[in-house]
C-alpha atoms as a PDB file:
ATOM      1  CA  MET A   1      10.825 -72.419 110.259  1.00  0.00           C
ATOM      2  CA  GLU A   2       8.752 -74.448 107.562  1.00  0.00           C
ATOM      3  CA  LYS A   3       6.915 -72.198 105.106  1.00  0.00           C
ATOM      4  CA  ASN A   4       3.526 -73.501 103.995  1.00  0.00           C
ATOM      5  CA  ASN A   5       2.799 -72.988 100.321  1.00  0.00           C
ATOM      6  CA  LEU A   6      -0.798 -73.540  99.504  1.00  0.00           C
ATOM      7  CA  THR A   7      -2.437 -73.994  96.264  1.00  0.00           C
ATOM      8  CA  PRO A   8      -5.195 -71.462  95.277  1.00  0.00           C
ATOM      9  CA  GLU A   9      -7.585 -74.363  95.825  1.00  0.00           C
ATOM     10  CA  GLU A  10      -6.433 -74.878  99.306  1.00  0.00           C
ATOM     11  CA  SER A  11      -6.549 -71.333 100.165  1.00  0.00           C
ATOM     12  CA  PHE A  12     -10.015 -71.074  98.685  1.00  0.00           C
ATOM     13  CA  GLU A  13     -11.238 -74.046 100.779  1.00  0.00           C
ATOM     14  CA  ILE A  14      -9.731 -72.484 103.970  1.00  0.00           C
ATOM     15  CA  ILE A  15     -11.570 -69.174 103.272  1.00  0.00           C
ATOM     16  CA  ASN A  16     -14.771 -71.160 102.587  1.00  0.00           C
ATOM     17  CA  LYS A  17     -14.393 -73.109 105.898  1.00  0.00           C
ATOM     18  CA  ALA A  18     -13.974 -69.653 107.851  1.00  0.00           C
ATOM     19  CA  ILE A  19     -17.117 -68.261 106.211  1.00  0.00           C
ATOM     20  CA  ALA A  20     -19.025 -71.397 106.959  1.00  0.00           C
ATOM     21  CA  ASN A  21     -17.563 -71.224 110.804  1.00  0.00           C
ATOM     22  CA  PHE A  22     -18.793 -67.575 110.915  1.00  0.00           C
ATOM     23  CA  LYS A  23     -22.328 -68.471 109.506  1.00  0.00           C
ATOM     24  CA  MET A  24     -22.703 -70.839 112.262  1.00  0.00           C
ATOM     25  CA  ASN A  25     -21.649 -68.490 114.979  1.00  0.00           C
ATOM     26  CA  TYR A  26     -23.710 -65.788 113.289  1.00  0.00           C
ATOM     27  CA  LYS A  27     -26.934 -67.955 113.004  1.00  0.00           C
ATOM     28  CA  GLU A  28     -26.521 -68.120 116.854  1.00  0.00           C
ATOM     29  CA  ASN A  29     -27.062 -64.322 117.047  1.00  0.00           C
ATOM     30  CA  SER A  30     -30.101 -64.090 115.040  1.00  0.00           C
ATOM     31  CA  GLN A  31     -31.581 -62.991 118.162  1.00  0.00           C
ATOM     32  CA  VAL A  32     -29.675 -59.458 117.610  1.00  0.00           C
ATOM     33  CA  PHE A  33     -31.940 -59.014 114.354  1.00  0.00           C
ATOM     34  CA  LEU A  34     -34.834 -60.119 116.034  1.00  0.00           C
ATOM     35  CA  LEU A  35     -34.334 -57.869 119.023  1.00  0.00           C
ATOM     36  CA  TRP A  36     -34.005 -54.742 117.172  1.00  0.00           C
ATOM     37  CA  GLY A  37     -36.590 -55.840 114.603  1.00  0.00           C
ATOM     38  CA  TRP A  38     -39.234 -56.045 117.203  1.00  0.00           C
ATOM     39  CA  ILE A  39     -38.064 -53.154 119.254  1.00  0.00           C
ATOM     40  CA  LEU A  40     -37.879 -50.799 116.528  1.00  0.00           C
ATOM     41  CA  THR A  41     -41.129 -52.034 114.871  1.00  0.00           C
ATOM     42  CA  LEU A  42     -43.065 -51.563 118.250  1.00  0.00           C
ATOM     43  CA  ALA A  43     -41.394 -48.003 118.490  1.00  0.00           C
ATOM     44  CA  SER A  44     -42.712 -47.251 114.830  1.00  0.00           C
ATOM     45  CA  ILE A  45     -46.270 -48.466 115.498  1.00  0.00           C
ATOM     46  CA  SER A  46     -46.461 -46.549 118.899  1.00  0.00           C
ATOM     47  CA  ASN A  47     -45.375 -43.624 116.946  1.00  0.00           C
ATOM     48  CA  PHE A  48     -48.171 -44.087 114.678  1.00  0.00           C
ATOM     49  CA  VAL A  49     -50.532 -44.470 117.455  1.00  0.00           C
ATOM     50  CA  ILE A  50     -49.091 -41.072 118.983  1.00  0.00           C
ATOM     51  CA  LEU A  51     -49.800 -39.295 115.861  1.00  0.00           C
ATOM     52  CA  LYS A  52     -53.300 -40.641 115.280  1.00  0.00           C
ATOM     53  CA  MET A  53     -54.374 -40.246 118.959  1.00  0.00           C
ATOM     54  CA  LEU A  54     -53.017 -36.932 119.652  1.00  0.00           C
ATOM     55  CA  THR A  55     -54.183 -34.978 116.784  1.00  0.00           C
ATOM     56  CA  SER A  56     -55.271 -31.987 118.766  1.00  0.00           C
ATOM     57  CA  LEU A  57     -51.608 -31.307 120.135  1.00  0.00           C
ATOM     58  CA  ALA A  58     -49.423 -28.740 118.391  1.00  0.00           C
ATOM     59  CA  TRP A  59     -46.600 -30.388 116.321  1.00  0.00           C
ATOM     60  CA  GLU A  60     -43.869 -29.287 118.598  1.00  0.00           C
ATOM     61  CA  HIS A  61     -45.403 -31.076 121.456  1.00  0.00           C
ATOM     62  CA  LYS A  62     -46.029 -34.293 119.333  1.00  0.00           C
ATOM     63  CA  GLY A  63     -42.243 -34.123 118.136  1.00  0.00           C
ATOM     64  CA  PHE A  64     -41.142 -34.250 121.715  1.00  0.00           C
ATOM     65  CA  LEU A  65     -43.475 -37.135 122.470  1.00  0.00           C
ATOM     66  CA  ILE A  66     -42.330 -39.001 119.187  1.00  0.00           C
ATOM     67  CA  LEU A  67     -38.601 -38.389 120.138  1.00  0.00           C
ATOM     68  CA  GLY A  68     -39.177 -39.656 123.632  1.00  0.00           C
ATOM     69  CA  ASN A  69     -40.947 -42.644 122.025  1.00  0.00           C
ATOM     70  CA  TRP A  70     -38.088 -43.561 120.128  1.00  0.00           C
ATOM     71  CA  PHE A  71     -35.534 -42.903 122.865  1.00  0.00           C
ATOM     72  CA  VAL A  72     -37.168 -45.248 125.407  1.00  0.00           C
ATOM     73  CA  PHE A  73     -37.507 -48.154 122.862  1.00  0.00           C
ATOM     74  CA  ILE A  74     -33.899 -47.707 121.782  1.00  0.00           C
ATOM     75  CA  LEU A  75     -32.913 -47.405 125.233  1.00  0.00           C
ATOM     76  CA  ILE A  76     -34.692 -50.671 126.288  1.00  0.00           C
ATOM     77  CA  GLY A  77     -33.087 -52.409 123.162  1.00  0.00           C
ATOM     78  CA  SER A  78     -29.628 -51.368 124.035  1.00  0.00           C
ATOM     79  CA  ILE A  79     -29.847 -52.609 127.686  1.00  0.00           C
ATOM     80  CA  ILE A  80     -31.099 -55.946 126.280  1.00  0.00           C
ATOM     81  CA  LEU A  81     -28.338 -55.842 123.587  1.00  0.00           C
ATOM     82  CA  PHE A  82     -25.798 -55.238 126.406  1.00  0.00           C
ATOM     83  CA  PHE A  83     -26.794 -58.477 128.221  1.00  0.00           C
ATOM     84  CA  ILE A  84     -26.755 -60.442 124.928  1.00  0.00           C
ATOM     85  CA  VAL A  85     -23.433 -59.166 123.993  1.00  0.00           C
ATOM     86  CA  ARG A  86     -22.056 -60.100 127.529  1.00  0.00           C
ATOM     87  CA  LYS A  87     -23.222 -63.498 127.429  1.00  0.00           C
ATOM     88  CA  GLU A  88     -22.007 -64.168 123.878  1.00  0.00           C
ATOM     89  CA  LYS A  89     -18.580 -62.891 124.986  1.00  0.00           C
ATOM     90  CA  LYS A  90     -18.474 -65.312 127.869  1.00  0.00           C
ATOM     91  CA  GLU A  91     -19.458 -68.072 125.717  1.00  0.00           C
ATOM     92  CA  LYS A  92     -17.501 -67.577 122.551  1.00  0.00           C
ATOM     93  CA  LYS A  93     -13.909 -68.390 122.777  1.00  0.00           C
ATOM     94  CA  VAL A  94     -12.681 -67.746 119.110  1.00  0.00           C
ATOM     95  CA  TYR A  95     -13.366 -64.603 117.134  1.00  0.00           C
ATOM     96  CA  SER A  96     -12.874 -64.732 113.238  1.00  0.00           C
ATOM     97  CA  GLN A  97     -11.796 -61.744 111.199  1.00  0.00           C
ATOM     98  CA  ILE A  98     -15.231 -62.007 109.618  1.00  0.00           C
ATOM     99  CA  ASP A  99     -16.649 -61.685 113.238  1.00  0.00           C
ATOM    100  CA  LYS A 100     -14.640 -58.469 113.898  1.00  0.00           C
ATOM    101  CA  PHE A 101     -15.629 -57.058 110.464  1.00  0.00           C
ATOM    102  CA  ILE A 102     -19.203 -57.531 111.040  1.00  0.00           C
ATOM    103  CA  ASP A 103     -18.900 -56.126 114.651  1.00  0.00           C
ATOM    104  CA  LYS A 104     -17.130 -53.042 113.429  1.00  0.00           C
ATOM    105  CA  LEU A 105     -19.597 -52.614 110.635  1.00  0.00           C
ATOM    106  CA  TRP A 106     -22.526 -52.306 113.047  1.00  0.00           C
ATOM    107  CA  TRP A 107     -20.825 -49.926 115.402  1.00  0.00           C
ATOM    108  CA  VAL A 108     -20.125 -47.727 112.570  1.00  0.00           C
ATOM    109  CA  THR A 109     -23.643 -48.060 111.357  1.00  0.00           C
ATOM    110  CA  ALA A 110     -24.752 -47.171 114.979  1.00  0.00           C
ATOM    111  CA  ALA A 111     -22.785 -44.099 114.843  1.00  0.00           C
ATOM    112  CA  SER A 112     -24.148 -43.267 111.440  1.00  0.00           C
ATOM    113  CA  PHE A 113     -27.668 -43.475 112.746  1.00  0.00           C
ATOM    114  CA  ILE A 114     -26.964 -40.890 115.423  1.00  0.00           C
ATOM    115  CA  ILE A 115     -25.307 -38.577 112.991  1.00  0.00           C
ATOM    116  CA  ALA A 116     -28.136 -38.989 110.490  1.00  0.00           C
ATOM    117  CA  VAL A 117     -30.725 -38.170 113.064  1.00  0.00           C
ATOM    118  CA  ILE A 118     -28.615 -35.002 114.070  1.00  0.00           C
ATOM    119  CA  LEU A 119     -28.306 -33.980 110.383  1.00  0.00           C
ATOM    120  CA  CYS A 120     -32.141 -34.479 109.690  1.00  0.00           C
ATOM    121  CA  PHE A 121     -32.947 -32.305 112.670  1.00  0.00           C
ATOM    122  CA  ARG A 122     -30.580 -29.526 111.502  1.00  0.00           C
ATOM    123  CA  LEU A 123     -31.822 -29.638 107.993  1.00  0.00           C
ATOM    124  CA  GLU A 124     -35.517 -30.147 108.980  1.00  0.00           C
ATOM    125  CA  LEU A 125     -35.791 -33.570 107.162  1.00  0.00           C
ATOM    126  CA  ASP A 126     -37.705 -36.497 108.004  1.00  0.00           C
ATOM    127  CA  PRO A 127     -35.383 -39.132 109.358  1.00  0.00           C
ATOM    128  CA  PRO A 128     -36.832 -42.381 108.191  1.00  0.00           C
ATOM    129  CA  SER A 129     -35.644 -42.226 104.601  1.00  0.00           C
ATOM    130  CA  LEU A 130     -31.957 -41.606 105.560  1.00  0.00           C
ATOM    131  CA  MET A 131     -32.365 -44.134 108.339  1.00  0.00           C
ATOM    132  CA  LEU A 132     -33.540 -46.760 106.043  1.00  0.00           C
ATOM    133  CA  LEU A 133     -30.857 -46.328 103.744  1.00  0.00           C
ATOM    134  CA  VAL A 134     -28.174 -46.775 106.361  1.00  0.00           C
ATOM    135  CA  ALA A 135     -29.932 -49.821 107.702  1.00  0.00           C
ATOM    136  CA  GLY A 136     -29.956 -51.214 104.179  1.00  0.00           C
ATOM    137  CA  ILE A 137     -26.266 -50.653 103.470  1.00  0.00           C
ATOM    138  CA  ALA A 138     -25.102 -52.441 106.800  1.00  0.00           C
ATOM    139  CA  THR A 139     -27.859 -55.263 106.375  1.00  0.00           C
ATOM    140  CA  THR A 140     -27.023 -56.049 102.848  1.00  0.00           C
ATOM    141  CA  THR A 141     -23.167 -55.854 103.506  1.00  0.00           C
ATOM    142  CA  THR A 142     -23.688 -58.489 106.380  1.00  0.00           C
ATOM    143  CA  GLY A 143     -25.747 -60.547 104.173  1.00  0.00           C
ATOM    144  CA  LEU A 144     -23.295 -60.426 101.364  1.00  0.00           C
ATOM    145  CA  VAL A 145     -20.357 -61.207 103.728  1.00  0.00           C
ATOM    146  CA  ILE A 146     -21.956 -64.279 105.365  1.00  0.00           C
ATOM    147  CA  ARG A 147     -23.518 -65.272 101.994  1.00  0.00           C
ATOM    148  CA  PHE A 148     -27.148 -65.445 103.277  1.00  0.00           C
ATOM    149  CA  LYS A 149     -29.631 -64.617 100.663  1.00  0.00           C
ATOM    150  CA  PRO A 150     -32.634 -63.782 103.178  1.00  0.00           C
ATOM    151  CA  LEU A 151     -30.480 -61.082 104.808  1.00  0.00           C
ATOM    152  CA  ILE A 152     -29.226 -59.680 101.462  1.00  0.00           C
ATOM    153  CA  PHE A 153     -32.794 -59.430 100.335  1.00  0.00           C
ATOM    154  CA  GLY A 154     -33.868 -57.783 103.743  1.00  0.00           C
ATOM    155  CA  GLY A 155     -31.107 -55.340 103.351  1.00  0.00           C
ATOM    156  CA  MET A 156     -32.195 -54.453  99.796  1.00  0.00           C
ATOM    157  CA  SER A 157     -35.676 -53.989 100.869  1.00  0.00           C
ATOM    158  CA  PHE A 158     -34.501 -51.315 103.135  1.00  0.00           C
ATOM    159  CA  PHE A 159     -33.518 -49.457 100.038  1.00  0.00           C
ATOM    160  CA  VAL A 160     -36.946 -49.867  98.289  1.00  0.00           C
ATOM    161  CA  PHE A 161     -38.793 -48.810 101.585  1.00  0.00           C
ATOM    162  CA  SER A 162     -36.284 -45.820 101.854  1.00  0.00           C
ATOM    163  CA  ILE A 163     -37.410 -44.457  98.324  1.00  0.00           C
ATOM    164  CA  ALA A 164     -41.078 -45.286  99.244  1.00  0.00           C
ATOM    165  CA  SER A 165     -40.960 -43.423 102.315  1.00  0.00           C
ATOM    166  CA  THR A 166     -40.376 -40.099 100.271  1.00  0.00           C
ATOM    167  CA  PHE A 167     -43.899 -40.624  98.768  1.00  0.00           C
ATOM    168  CA  VAL A 168     -45.711 -41.036 102.015  1.00  0.00           C
ATOM    169  CA  THR A 169     -47.155 -38.278 104.220  1.00  0.00           C
ATOM    170  CA  ASN A 170     -45.679 -37.924 107.846  1.00  0.00           C
ATOM    171  CA  GLU A 171     -48.737 -39.521 109.266  1.00  0.00           C
ATOM    172  CA  TYR A 172     -48.220 -42.698 107.714  1.00  0.00           C
ATOM    173  CA  LEU A 173     -44.277 -42.715 107.667  1.00  0.00           C
ATOM    174  CA  ALA A 174     -44.243 -45.011 110.627  1.00  0.00           C
ATOM    175  CA  LEU A 175     -46.245 -47.664 108.953  1.00  0.00           C
ATOM    176  CA  VAL A 176     -43.783 -47.728 106.216  1.00  0.00           C
ATOM    177  CA  VAL A 177     -40.759 -47.936 108.648  1.00  0.00           C
ATOM    178  CA  SER A 178     -42.699 -50.787 110.398  1.00  0.00           C
ATOM    179  CA  ALA A 179     -43.064 -52.731 107.242  1.00  0.00           C
ATOM    180  CA  ALA A 180     -39.404 -52.087 106.165  1.00  0.00           C
ATOM    181  CA  LEU A 181     -38.305 -53.354 109.768  1.00  0.00           C
ATOM    182  CA  ILE A 182     -40.418 -56.561 109.371  1.00  0.00           C
ATOM    183  CA  CYS A 183     -38.891 -57.274 105.713  1.00  0.00           C
ATOM    184  CA  GLY A 184     -35.358 -56.205 106.653  1.00  0.00           C
ATOM    185  CA  TYR A 185     -34.831 -57.402 110.182  1.00  0.00           C
ATOM    186  CA  LEU A 186     -37.542 -59.818 111.351  1.00  0.00           C
ATOM    187  CA  ILE A 187     -38.092 -61.894 108.263  1.00  0.00           C
ATOM    188  CA  PRO A 188     -34.335 -62.605 107.675  1.00  0.00           C
ATOM    189  CA  GLY A 189     -33.650 -62.824 111.648  1.00  0.00           C
ATOM    190  CA  TYR A 190     -36.297 -65.719 111.742  1.00  0.00           C
ATOM    191  CA  PHE A 191     -34.617 -67.441 108.701  1.00  0.00           C
ATOM    192  CA  LEU A 192     -31.303 -67.216 110.453  1.00  0.00           C
ATOM    193  CA  LYS A 193     -32.863 -68.811 113.432  1.00  0.00           C
ATOM    194  CA  ALA A 194     -34.469 -71.637 111.499  1.00  0.00           C
ATOM    195  CA  ALA A 195     -31.216 -72.278 109.753  1.00  0.00           C
ATOM    196  CA  LYS A 196     -29.331 -73.212 112.883  1.00  0.00           C
ATOM    197  CA  GLU A 197     -31.786 -75.589 113.973  1.00  0.00           C
END
């Protein structure tokens, strides 16, 4: 068996080609960022509307409506995502290590969101600050791995909005979350989509 001895330059070129190929594959999946950007932005805006229109309800009743609102939107997004992933798996024949890393990163992030919500309810904290922080970590990491600046800046904007959310009253928190989602998911998602065309 012949052993290949690569120079550092050749190894670096192979790594760069793998990243470039991943970028092309990932650009095709800009729809995932757009899907969650729109689903969660609409959930945030409807959350704001619920808080504004139902001022006469006791906070406990509003809490159940808000939780139900988020649940419905996340359920819709999950169903749509299931079909997107299913279609992608049928069409995509080769998966790189970078593909696998990003996939696992977002599965861990999804689990972190669930755990963060449980912790927030147990500790009686507003979830947005923690949720935006978790989203920022995963989005920035994804941007750094695929070397896509709009995604890096989008992820970093989640950090800024996470801090900003601590200075806003509960009533307007949903608008801060909407702005964060637009900057963190939608704008980078449209940049990714435009990059493939």
